[in-house]
PDB file of N, CA and C in Angstrom:
ATOM      1  N   MET A   1       0.736  -1.234   0.071  1.00  0.00           N
ATOM      2  CA  MET A   1       0.089  -0.081   0.057  1.00  0.00           C
ATOM      3  C   MET A   1       0.984   1.218  -0.037  1.00  0.00           C
ATOM      4  N   PRO A   2       2.279   1.211  -0.237  1.00  0.00           N
ATOM      5  CA  PRO A   2       2.901   2.460  -0.210  1.00  0.00           C
ATOM      6  C   PRO A   2       2.478   3.461  -1.253  1.00  0.00           C
ATOM      7  N   LYS A   3       1.808   3.104  -2.369  1.00  0.00           N
ATOM      8  CA  LYS A   3       1.539   3.766  -3.448  1.00  0.00           C
ATOM      9  C   LYS A   3       0.293   4.877  -2.935  1.00  0.00           C
ATOM     10  N   GLN A   4      -0.797   4.257  -2.102  1.00  0.00           N
ATOM     11  CA  GLN A   4      -1.759   5.014  -1.673  1.00  0.00           C
ATOM     12  C   GLN A   4      -1.176   5.901  -0.565  1.00  0.00           C
ATOM     13  N   GLU A   5      -0.389   5.522   0.303  1.00  0.00           N
ATOM     14  CA  GLU A   5       0.209   6.343   1.260  1.00  0.00           C
ATOM     15  C   GLU A   5       0.960   7.731   0.726  1.00  0.00           C
ATOM     16  N   ASP A   6       1.615   7.417  -0.549  1.00  0.00           N
ATOM     17  CA  ASP A   6       2.143   8.404  -1.116  1.00  0.00           C
ATOM     18  C   ASP A   6       1.333   9.658  -1.617  1.00  0.00           C
ATOM     19  N   TYR A   7       0.150   8.985  -2.307  1.00  0.00           N
ATOM     20  CA  TYR A   7      -0.868   9.654  -2.829  1.00  0.00           C
ATOM     21  C   TYR A   7      -1.393  10.590  -1.607  1.00  0.00           C
ATOM     22  N   LEU A   8      -1.879   9.935  -0.490  1.00  0.00           N
ATOM     23  CA  LEU A   8      -2.446  10.585   0.483  1.00  0.00           C
ATOM     24  C   LEU A   8      -1.342  11.657   1.127  1.00  0.00           C
ATOM     25  N   ALA A   9      -0.146  11.563   1.129  1.00  0.00           N
ATOM     26  CA  ALA A   9       0.968  12.462   1.533  1.00  0.00           C
ATOM     27  C   ALA A   9       0.953  13.516   0.760  1.00  0.00           C
ATOM     28  N   LYS A  10       0.884  13.176  -0.574  1.00  0.00           N
ATOM     29  CA  LYS A  10       1.000  14.329  -1.644  1.00  0.00           C
ATOM     30  C   LYS A  10      -0.198  15.186  -1.363  1.00  0.00           C
ATOM     31  N   LEU A  11      -1.511  14.822  -1.172  1.00  0.00           N
ATOM     32  CA  LEU A  11      -2.576  15.448  -1.068  1.00  0.00           C
ATOM     33  C   LEU A  11      -2.620  16.280   0.256  1.00  0.00           C
ATOM     34  N   GLU A  12      -2.042  15.864   1.287  1.00  0.00           N
ATOM     35  CA  GLU A  12      -1.920  16.463   2.569  1.00  0.00           C
ATOM     36  C   GLU A  12      -1.104  17.732   2.406  1.00  0.00           C
ATOM     37  N   GLY A  13       0.061  17.467   1.603  1.00  0.00           N
ATOM     38  CA  GLY A  13       0.963  18.507   1.399  1.00  0.00           C
ATOM     39  C   GLY A  13       0.550  19.544   0.563  1.00  0.00           C
ATOM     40  N   TYR A  14      -0.383  19.278  -0.508  1.00  0.00           N
ATOM     41  CA  TYR A  14      -1.136  20.299  -1.157  1.00  0.00           C
ATOM     42  C   TYR A  14      -1.958  21.025  -0.469  1.00  0.00           C
ATOM     43  N   LEU A  15      -2.784  20.373   0.430  1.00  0.00           N
ATOM     44  CA  LEU A  15      -3.792  20.972   1.242  1.00  0.00           C
ATOM     45  C   LEU A  15      -3.288  22.061   2.600  1.00  0.00           C
ATOM     46  N   ALA A  16      -1.915  21.589   2.848  1.00  0.00           N
ATOM     47  CA  ALA A  16      -1.269  22.479   3.689  1.00  0.00           C
ATOM     48  C   ALA A  16      -0.737  23.671   3.109  1.00  0.00           C
ATOM     49  N   GLN A  17      -0.283  23.407   1.782  1.00  0.00           N
ATOM     50  CA  GLN A  17      -0.006  24.656   0.867  1.00  0.00           C
ATOM     51  C   GLN A  17      -1.087  25.574   0.524  1.00  0.00           C
ATOM     52  N   ILE A  18      -2.124  24.997   0.421  1.00  0.00           N
ATOM     53  CA  ILE A  18      -3.404  25.842   0.264  1.00  0.00           C
ATOM     54  C   ILE A  18      -3.643  26.803   1.591  1.00  0.00           C
ATOM     55  N   ASP A  19      -3.703  26.112   2.711  1.00  0.00           N
ATOM     56  CA  ASP A  19      -3.801  26.766   4.070  1.00  0.00           C
ATOM     57  C   ASP A  19      -2.749  27.751   4.084  1.00  0.00           C
ATOM     58  N   GLU A  20      -1.401  27.613   3.835  1.00  0.00           N
ATOM     59  CA  GLU A  20      -0.447  28.494   4.009  1.00  0.00           C
ATOM     60  C   GLU A  20      -0.495  29.752   3.226  1.00  0.00           C
ATOM     61  N   TRP A  21      -1.001  29.454   1.816  1.00  0.00           N
ATOM     62  CA  TRP A  21      -1.232  30.729   0.991  1.00  0.00           C
ATOM     63  C   TRP A  21      -2.556  31.481   1.352  1.00  0.00           C
ATOM     64  N   GLY A  22      -3.644  30.998   1.690  1.00  0.00           N
ATOM     65  CA  GLY A  22      -4.716  31.544   1.858  1.00  0.00           C
ATOM     66  C   GLY A  22      -5.459  32.081   0.635  1.00  0.00           C
ATOM     67  N   TYR A  23      -4.641  32.641  -0.359  1.00  0.00           N
ATOM     68  CA  TYR A  23      -5.199  32.925  -1.618  1.00  0.00           C
ATOM     69  C   TYR A  23      -4.044  32.983  -2.535  1.00  0.00           C
ATOM     70  N   CYS A  24      -4.198  33.018  -3.834  1.00  0.00           N
ATOM     71  CA  CYS A  24      -3.443  33.168  -4.789  1.00  0.00           C
ATOM     72  C   CYS A  24      -3.894  33.850  -6.164  1.00  0.00           C
ATOM     73  N   TYR A  25      -3.183  33.785  -7.024  1.00  0.00           N
ATOM     74  CA  TYR A  25      -3.470  34.555  -8.373  1.00  0.00           C
ATOM     75  C   TYR A  25      -3.820  33.265  -9.420  1.00  0.00           C
ATOM     76  N   CYS A  26      -4.825  33.306 -10.063  1.00  0.00           N
ATOM     77  CA  CYS A  26      -5.261  32.228 -11.193  1.00  0.00           C
ATOM     78  C   CYS A  26      -4.924  32.975 -12.530  1.00  0.00           C
ATOM     79  N   ARG A  27      -3.941  32.561 -13.144  1.00  0.00           N
ATOM     80  CA  ARG A  27      -3.602  33.231 -14.386  1.00  0.00           C
ATOM     81  C   ARG A  27      -4.619  32.931 -15.497  1.00  0.00           C
ATOM     82  N   ASN A  28      -5.395  31.766 -15.465  1.00  0.00           N
ATOM     83  CA  ASN A  28      -6.400  31.701 -16.362  1.00  0.00           C
ATOM     84  C   ASN A  28      -7.407  32.258 -16.252  1.00  0.00           C
ATOM     85  N   CYS A  29      -7.976  32.526 -15.009  1.00  0.00           N
ATOM     86  CA  CYS A  29      -9.184  33.385 -14.662  1.00  0.00           C
ATOM     87  C   CYS A  29      -8.844  34.840 -14.680  1.00  0.00           C
ATOM     88  N   GLU A  30      -7.455  35.070 -14.453  1.00  0.00           N
ATOM     89  CA  GLU A  30      -7.100  36.352 -14.149  1.00  0.00           C
ATOM     90  C   GLU A  30      -7.775  37.041 -12.908  1.00  0.00           C
ATOM     91  N   ARG A  31      -7.756  36.322 -11.870  1.00  0.00           N
ATOM     92  CA  ARG A  31      -8.405  36.539 -10.606  1.00  0.00           C
ATOM     93  C   ARG A  31      -7.749  36.258  -9.485  1.00  0.00           C
ATOM     94  N   ILE A  32      -7.880  36.826  -8.402  1.00  0.00           N
ATOM     95  CA  ILE A  32      -7.434  36.271  -7.157  1.00  0.00           C
ATOM     96  C   ILE A  32      -8.344  35.154  -6.759  1.00  0.00           C
ATOM     97  N   ARG A  33      -7.892  34.115  -6.252  1.00  0.00           N
ATOM     98  CA  ARG A  33      -8.757  32.760  -5.634  1.00  0.00           C
ATOM     99  C   ARG A  33      -8.175  32.779  -4.329  1.00  0.00           C
ATOM    100  N   TYR A  34      -9.278  32.692  -3.613  1.00  0.00           N
ATOM    101  CA  TYR A  34      -9.050  32.376  -2.133  1.00  0.00           C
ATOM    102  C   TYR A  34      -9.114  30.762  -1.882  1.00  0.00           C
ATOM    103  N   SER A  35      -8.656  30.302  -0.810  1.00  0.00           N
ATOM    104  CA  SER A  35      -8.393  28.889  -0.242  1.00  0.00           C
ATOM    105  C   SER A  35      -9.644  28.214  -0.448  1.00  0.00           C
ATOM    106  N   SER A  36     -10.778  28.606  -0.608  1.00  0.00           N
ATOM    107  CA  SER A  36     -12.030  27.898  -0.641  1.00  0.00           C
ATOM    108  C   SER A  36     -12.281  27.738  -2.088  1.00  0.00           C
ATOM    109  N   ASP A  37     -11.667  28.505  -3.137  1.00  0.00           N
ATOM    110  CA  ASP A  37     -11.772  28.348  -4.599  1.00  0.00           C
ATOM    111  C   ASP A  37     -10.704  27.284  -5.130  1.00  0.00           C
ATOM    112  N   LEU A  38      -9.653  26.686  -4.173  1.00  0.00           N
ATOM    113  CA  LEU A  38      -8.610  25.827  -4.614  1.00  0.00           C
ATOM    114  C   LEU A  38      -8.932  24.407  -4.249  1.00  0.00           C
ATOM    115  N   GLU A  39      -8.368  23.562  -4.986  1.00  0.00           N
ATOM    116  CA  GLU A  39      -8.560  22.143  -4.740  1.00  0.00           C
ATOM    117  C   GLU A  39      -7.084  21.630  -4.859  1.00  0.00           C
ATOM    118  N   ALA A  40      -6.976  20.532  -3.929  1.00  0.00           N
ATOM    119  CA  ALA A  40      -5.658  19.653  -4.098  1.00  0.00           C
ATOM    120  C   ALA A  40      -6.149  18.373  -4.837  1.00  0.00           C
ATOM    121  N   THR A  41      -5.470  18.153  -5.720  1.00  0.00           N
ATOM    122  CA  THR A  41      -5.395  17.054  -6.651  1.00  0.00           C
ATOM    123  C   THR A  41      -4.077  16.284  -6.570  1.00  0.00           C
ATOM    124  N   GLU A  42      -3.969  15.190  -7.403  1.00  0.00           N
ATOM    125  CA  GLU A  42      -2.910  14.398  -7.666  1.00  0.00           C
ATOM    126  C   GLU A  42      -1.730  15.181  -8.325  1.00  0.00           C
ATOM    127  N   GLN A  43      -2.175  15.980  -9.273  1.00  0.00           N
ATOM    128  CA  GLN A  43      -1.444  16.729 -10.039  1.00  0.00           C
ATOM    129  C   GLN A  43      -0.867  18.223  -9.531  1.00  0.00           C
ATOM    130  N   GLY A  44      -1.599  18.518  -8.349  1.00  0.00           N
ATOM    131  CA  GLY A  44      -1.106  19.725  -7.727  1.00  0.00           C
ATOM    132  C   GLY A  44      -2.399  20.649  -7.306  1.00  0.00           C
ATOM    133  N   ILE A  45      -2.085  21.811  -7.123  1.00  0.00           N
ATOM    134  CA  ILE A  45      -3.173  22.638  -6.755  1.00  0.00           C
ATOM    135  C   ILE A  45      -3.876  23.351  -7.907  1.00  0.00           C
ATOM    136  N   ARG A  46      -5.105  23.311  -7.972  1.00  0.00           N
ATOM    137  CA  ARG A  46      -5.940  23.756  -9.040  1.00  0.00           C
ATOM    138  C   ARG A  46      -6.984  24.808  -8.675  1.00  0.00           C
ATOM    139  N   CYS A  47      -7.461  25.576  -9.591  1.00  0.00           N
ATOM    140  CA  CYS A  47      -8.547  26.541  -9.317  1.00  0.00           C
ATOM    141  C   CYS A  47      -9.842  25.592  -9.539  1.00  0.00           C
ATOM    142  N   SER A  48     -10.677  25.705  -8.657  1.00  0.00           N
ATOM    143  CA  SER A  48     -11.791  24.985  -8.769  1.00  0.00           C
ATOM    144  C   SER A  48     -12.837  25.668  -9.806  1.00  0.00           C
ATOM    145  N   LYS A  49     -12.701  27.018 -10.130  1.00  0.00           N
ATOM    146  CA  LYS A  49     -13.537  27.748 -11.240  1.00  0.00           C
ATOM    147  C   LYS A  49     -13.492  27.404 -12.614  1.00  0.00           C
ATOM    148  N   CYS A  50     -12.034  27.339 -12.827  1.00  0.00           N
ATOM    149  CA  CYS A  50     -11.577  27.235 -14.295  1.00  0.00           C
ATOM    150  C   CYS A  50     -10.958  25.606 -14.466  1.00  0.00           C
ATOM    151  N   GLY A  51     -10.552  25.020 -13.418  1.00  0.00           N
ATOM    152  CA  GLY A  51      -9.880  23.671 -13.607  1.00  0.00           C
ATOM    153  C   GLY A  51      -8.370  23.845 -13.956  1.00  0.00           C
ATOM    154  N   GLY A  52      -7.926  25.111 -13.777  1.00  0.00           N
ATOM    155  CA  GLY A  52      -6.456  25.442 -14.320  1.00  0.00           C
ATOM    156  C   GLY A  52      -5.594  25.093 -13.090  1.00  0.00           C
ATOM    157  N   TYR A  53      -4.118  24.825 -13.499  1.00  0.00           N
ATOM    158  CA  TYR A  53      -3.253  24.726 -12.545  1.00  0.00           C
ATOM    159  C   TYR A  53      -2.157  25.819 -12.414  1.00  0.00           C
ATOM    160  N   ASP A  54      -2.469  26.773 -13.392  1.00  0.00           N
ATOM    161  CA  ASP A  54      -1.488  27.908 -13.619  1.00  0.00           C
ATOM    162  C   ASP A  54      -1.906  29.039 -12.564  1.00  0.00           C
ATOM    163  N   LEU A  55      -1.342  28.625 -11.444  1.00  0.00           N
ATOM    164  CA  LEU A  55      -1.452  29.654 -10.222  1.00  0.00           C
ATOM    165  C   LEU A  55      -0.178  30.205  -9.809  1.00  0.00           C
ATOM    166  N   GLU A  56      -0.253  31.486  -9.307  1.00  0.00           N
ATOM    167  CA  GLU A  56       0.929  32.234  -8.790  1.00  0.00           C
ATOM    168  C   GLU A  56       0.728  32.129  -7.403  1.00  0.00           C
ATOM    169  N   ALA A  57       1.976  31.766  -6.773  1.00  0.00           N
ATOM    170  CA  ALA A  57       1.726  31.820  -5.133  1.00  0.00           C
ATOM    171  C   ALA A  57       2.101  33.240  -4.562  1.00  0.00           C
ATOM    172  N   PRO A  58       1.395  33.487  -3.473  1.00  0.00           N
ATOM    173  CA  PRO A  58       1.467  34.933  -2.998  1.00  0.00           C
ATOM    174  C   PRO A  58       2.652  35.057  -2.306  1.00  0.00           C
ATOM    175  N   GLY A  59       3.212  36.270  -2.240  1.00  0.00           N
ATOM    176  CA  GLY A  59       4.327  36.650  -1.553  1.00  0.00           C
ATOM    177  C   GLY A  59       4.366  37.782  -0.763  1.00  0.00           C
ATOM    178  N   TRP A  60       5.192  37.949   0.134  1.00  0.00           N
ATOM    179  CA  TRP A  60       5.413  39.176   1.148  1.00  0.00           C
ATOM    180  C   TRP A  60       6.017  40.440   0.407  1.00  0.00           C
ATOM    181  N   VAL A  61       5.328  41.372   0.206  1.00  0.00           N
ATOM    182  CA  VAL A  61       6.119  42.580  -0.137  1.00  0.00           C
ATOM    183  C   VAL A  61       5.501  43.869   0.384  1.00  0.00           C
ATOM    184  N   TYR A  62       6.170  44.926   0.129  1.00  0.00           N
ATOM    185  CA  TYR A  62       5.780  46.369   0.640  1.00  0.00           C
ATOM    186  C   TYR A  62       4.955  46.941  -0.567  1.00  0.00           C
ATOM    187  N   CYS A  63       3.586  46.996  -0.411  1.00  0.00           N
ATOM    188  CA  CYS A  63       2.611  47.438  -1.308  1.00  0.00           C
ATOM    189  C   CYS A  63       2.408  48.891  -1.169  1.00  0.00           C
ATOM    190  N   PRO A  64       2.736  49.561  -2.313  1.00  0.00           N
ATOM    191  CA  PRO A  64       2.603  51.007  -2.269  1.00  0.00           C
ATOM    192  C   PRO A  64       1.253  51.548  -1.825  1.00  0.00           C
ATOM    193  N   HIS A  65       0.162  50.740  -2.061  1.00  0.00           N
ATOM    194  CA  HIS A  65      -1.153  51.188  -1.807  1.00  0.00           C
ATOM    195  C   HIS A  65      -1.526  50.919  -0.254  1.00  0.00           C
ATOM    196  N   GLU A  66      -0.776  50.099   0.404  1.00  0.00           N
ATOM    197  CA  GLU A  66      -1.056  49.593   1.789  1.00  0.00           C
ATOM    198  C   GLU A  66      -0.470  50.677   2.680  1.00  0.00           C
ATOM    199  N   LYS A  67       0.712  51.223   2.302  1.00  0.00           N
ATOM    200  CA  LYS A  67       1.601  52.228   2.995  1.00  0.00           C
ATOM    201  C   LYS A  67       1.864  51.747   4.430  1.00  0.00           C
ATOM    202  N   SER A  68       1.470  50.835   5.033  1.00  0.00           N
ATOM    203  CA  SER A  68       1.805  50.667   6.404  1.00  0.00           C
ATOM    204  C   SER A  68       2.847  49.626   6.691  1.00  0.00           C
ATOM    205  N   SER A  69       2.746  48.435   6.222  1.00  0.00           N
ATOM    206  CA  SER A  69       3.697  47.394   6.503  1.00  0.00           C
ATOM    207  C   SER A  69       3.645  46.260   5.228  1.00  0.00           C
ATOM    208  N   ALA A  70       4.512  45.219   5.367  1.00  0.00           N
ATOM    209  CA  ALA A  70       4.470  44.301   4.494  1.00  0.00           C
ATOM    210  C   ALA A  70       3.233  43.349   4.487  1.00  0.00           C
ATOM    211  N   VAL A  71       2.872  43.135   3.230  1.00  0.00           N
ATOM    212  CA  VAL A  71       1.350  42.594   3.086  1.00  0.00           C
ATOM    213  C   VAL A  71       1.700  41.153   2.316  1.00  0.00           C
ATOM    214  N   LYS A  72       0.966  40.118   2.361  1.00  0.00           N
ATOM    215  CA  LYS A  72       1.080  39.232   1.453  1.00  0.00           C
ATOM    216  C   LYS A  72       0.200  39.213   0.230  1.00  0.00           C
ATOM    217  N   CYS A  73       0.963  39.657  -0.729  1.00  0.00           N
ATOM    218  CA  CYS A  73       0.402  40.048  -1.998  1.00  0.00           C
ATOM    219  C   CYS A  73      -0.032  38.922  -2.873  1.00  0.00           C
ATOM    220  N   ALA A  74      -1.230  38.794  -3.586  1.00  0.00           N
ATOM    221  CA  ALA A  74      -1.453  37.575  -4.379  1.00  0.00           C
ATOM    222  C   ALA A  74      -0.754  37.565  -5.643  1.00  0.00           C
ATOM    223  N   ARG A  75      -0.111  38.561  -5.979  1.00  0.00           N
ATOM    224  CA  ARG A  75       0.667  38.522  -7.138  1.00  0.00           C
ATOM    225  C   ARG A  75       2.196  38.637  -6.952  1.00  0.00           C
ATOM    226  N   ALA A  76       2.608  38.456  -5.490  1.00  0.00           N
ATOM    227  CA  ALA A  76       3.967  38.669  -5.126  1.00  0.00           C
ATOM    228  C   ALA A  76       4.650  39.913  -5.595  1.00  0.00           C
ATOM    229  N   GLY A  77       3.900  40.928  -5.824  1.00  0.00           N
ATOM    230  CA  GLY A  77       4.485  42.071  -6.107  1.00  0.00           C
ATOM    231  C   GLY A  77       5.105  42.327  -7.443  1.00  0.00           C
ATOM    232  N   LYS A  78       4.427  41.484  -8.444  1.00  0.00           N
ATOM    233  CA  LYS A  78       4.867  41.601  -9.771  1.00  0.00           C
ATOM    234  C   LYS A  78       4.382  42.830 -10.634  1.00  0.00           C
ATOM    235  N   GLY A  79       3.427  43.597  -9.955  1.00  0.00           N
ATOM    236  CA  GLY A  79       3.120  44.923 -10.469  1.00  0.00           C
ATOM    237  C   GLY A  79       3.723  46.189 -10.051  1.00  0.00           C
ATOM    238  N   ILE A  80       4.604  45.824  -8.983  1.00  0.00           N
ATOM    239  CA  ILE A  80       5.315  47.122  -8.344  1.00  0.00           C
ATOM    240  C   ILE A  80       6.369  47.494  -9.356  1.00  0.00           C
ATOM    241  N   LYS A  81       6.317  48.859  -9.541  1.00  0.00           N
ATOM    242  CA  LYS A  81       7.385  49.320 -10.503  1.00  0.00           C
ATOM    243  C   LYS A  81       7.906  50.778  -9.987  1.00  0.00           C
ATOM    244  N   ARG A  82       9.173  50.988 -10.177  1.00  0.00           N
ATOM    245  CA  ARG A  82       9.778  52.210  -9.720  1.00  0.00           C
ATOM    246  C   ARG A  82       9.389  53.408 -10.583  1.00  0.00           C
ATOM    247  N   GLY A  83       8.836  54.350 -10.123  1.00  0.00           N
ATOM    248  CA  GLY A  83       8.459  55.608 -10.908  1.00  0.00           C
ATOM    249  C   GLY A  83       9.258  56.632 -10.733  1.00  0.00           C
ATOM    250  N   GLU A  84       8.849  57.831 -11.254  1.00  0.00           N
ATOM    251  CA  GLU A  84       9.502  59.129 -10.923  1.00  0.00           C
ATOM    252  C   GLU A  84       9.443  59.660  -9.630  1.00  0.00           C
ATOM    253  N   TYR A  85       8.004  59.186  -8.972  1.00  0.00           N
ATOM    254  CA  TYR A  85       7.861  59.838  -7.604  1.00  0.00           C
ATOM    255  C   TYR A  85       7.711  58.567  -6.546  1.00  0.00           C
ATOM    256  N   GLY A  86       8.462  57.661  -7.039  1.00  0.00           N
ATOM    257  CA  GLY A  86       8.524  56.366  -5.846  1.00  0.00           C
ATOM    258  C   GLY A  86       7.872  55.381  -6.336  1.00  0.00           C
ATOM    259  N   SER A  87       7.626  54.209  -5.736  1.00  0.00           N
ATOM    260  CA  SER A  87       7.032  52.898  -6.135  1.00  0.00           C
ATOM    261  C   SER A  87       5.588  53.121  -6.412  1.00  0.00           C
ATOM    262  N   GLU A  88       5.097  52.200  -7.454  1.00  0.00           N
ATOM    263  CA  GLU A  88       3.569  52.314  -7.702  1.00  0.00           C
ATOM    264  C   GLU A  88       3.323  50.809  -8.138  1.00  0.00           C
ATOM    265  N   CYS A  89       2.176  50.507  -7.789  1.00  0.00           N
ATOM    266  CA  CYS A  89       1.806  49.052  -8.313  1.00  0.00           C
ATOM    267  C   CYS A  89       0.633  49.318  -9.480  1.00  0.00           C
ATOM    268  N   GLU A  90       1.159  48.811 -10.805  1.00  0.00           N
ATOM    269  CA  GLU A  90       0.221  48.958 -11.738  1.00  0.00           C
ATOM    270  C   GLU A  90      -1.091  48.028 -11.726  1.00  0.00           C
ATOM    271  N   LEU A  91      -0.944  47.162 -10.866  1.00  0.00           N
ATOM    272  CA  LEU A  91      -2.263  46.080 -10.867  1.00  0.00           C
ATOM    273  C   LEU A  91      -3.430  46.840 -10.126  1.00  0.00           C
ATOM    274  N   ARG A  92      -3.091  47.438  -9.105  1.00  0.00           N
ATOM    275  CA  ARG A  92      -4.278  47.909  -8.261  1.00  0.00           C
ATOM    276  C   ARG A  92      -5.301  46.851  -7.823  1.00  0.00           C
ATOM    277  N   CYS A  93      -4.932  45.636  -7.498  1.00  0.00           N
ATOM    278  CA  CYS A  93      -5.971  44.802  -7.277  1.00  0.00           C
ATOM    279  C   CYS A  93      -6.925  44.755  -5.964  1.00  0.00           C
ATOM    280  N   ASN A  94      -6.262  45.602  -4.997  1.00  0.00           N
ATOM    281  CA  ASN A  94      -7.106  46.068  -3.831  1.00  0.00           C
ATOM    282  C   ASN A  94      -7.789  44.770  -3.270  1.00  0.00           C
ATOM    283  N   PHE A  95      -7.113  43.601  -3.026  1.00  0.00           N
ATOM    284  CA  PHE A  95      -7.614  42.385  -2.748  1.00  0.00           C
ATOM    285  C   PHE A  95      -8.018  42.459  -1.324  1.00  0.00           C
ATOM    286  N   ARG A  96      -7.350  43.345  -0.449  1.00  0.00           N
ATOM    287  CA  ARG A  96      -7.801  43.528   0.868  1.00  0.00           C
ATOM    288  C   ARG A  96      -8.993  44.122   1.294  1.00  0.00           C
ATOM    289  N   LYS A  97      -9.518  44.936   0.160  1.00  0.00           N
ATOM    290  CA  LYS A  97     -10.700  45.611   0.505  1.00  0.00           C
ATOM    291  C   LYS A  97     -11.912  44.751   0.304  1.00  0.00           C
ATOM    292  N   PRO A  98     -12.931  45.010   0.988  1.00  0.00           N
ATOM    293  CA  PRO A  98     -14.170  44.234   0.772  1.00  0.00           C
ATOM    294  C   PRO A  98     -14.934  44.698  -0.503  1.00  0.00           C
TER     295      PRO A  98
END
C-alpha cells in the first residue's frame, strides 16, 4: 500500500500549501482565488472555477497602496514598479478591500 500512502501524503502536502497561501492568483481566470476556490489533486493545486493549475503563489511585499507594512500580495509584487515619484503598483488589485 505504499502507493496509496504516497498519494495521501501528496494531497496532504497540497492541502497544507493551500492553507499556508490563503489565496493566490489564477492566471487563467485572471483573478485572485481564495483557499475556498482551490482544490488539491494528484497533479497539484488547481482553481475550482476554471480547473487550471496555472497559479501564482502569494509573496510578502511592501505594497505602495497599503503604506503601512508588508502584506501578502496575491501577485507577489509583480506589478510594483519604480516611478519618478517612488514605487507604484500597476495592478491595483485591492484584494484586501471588501
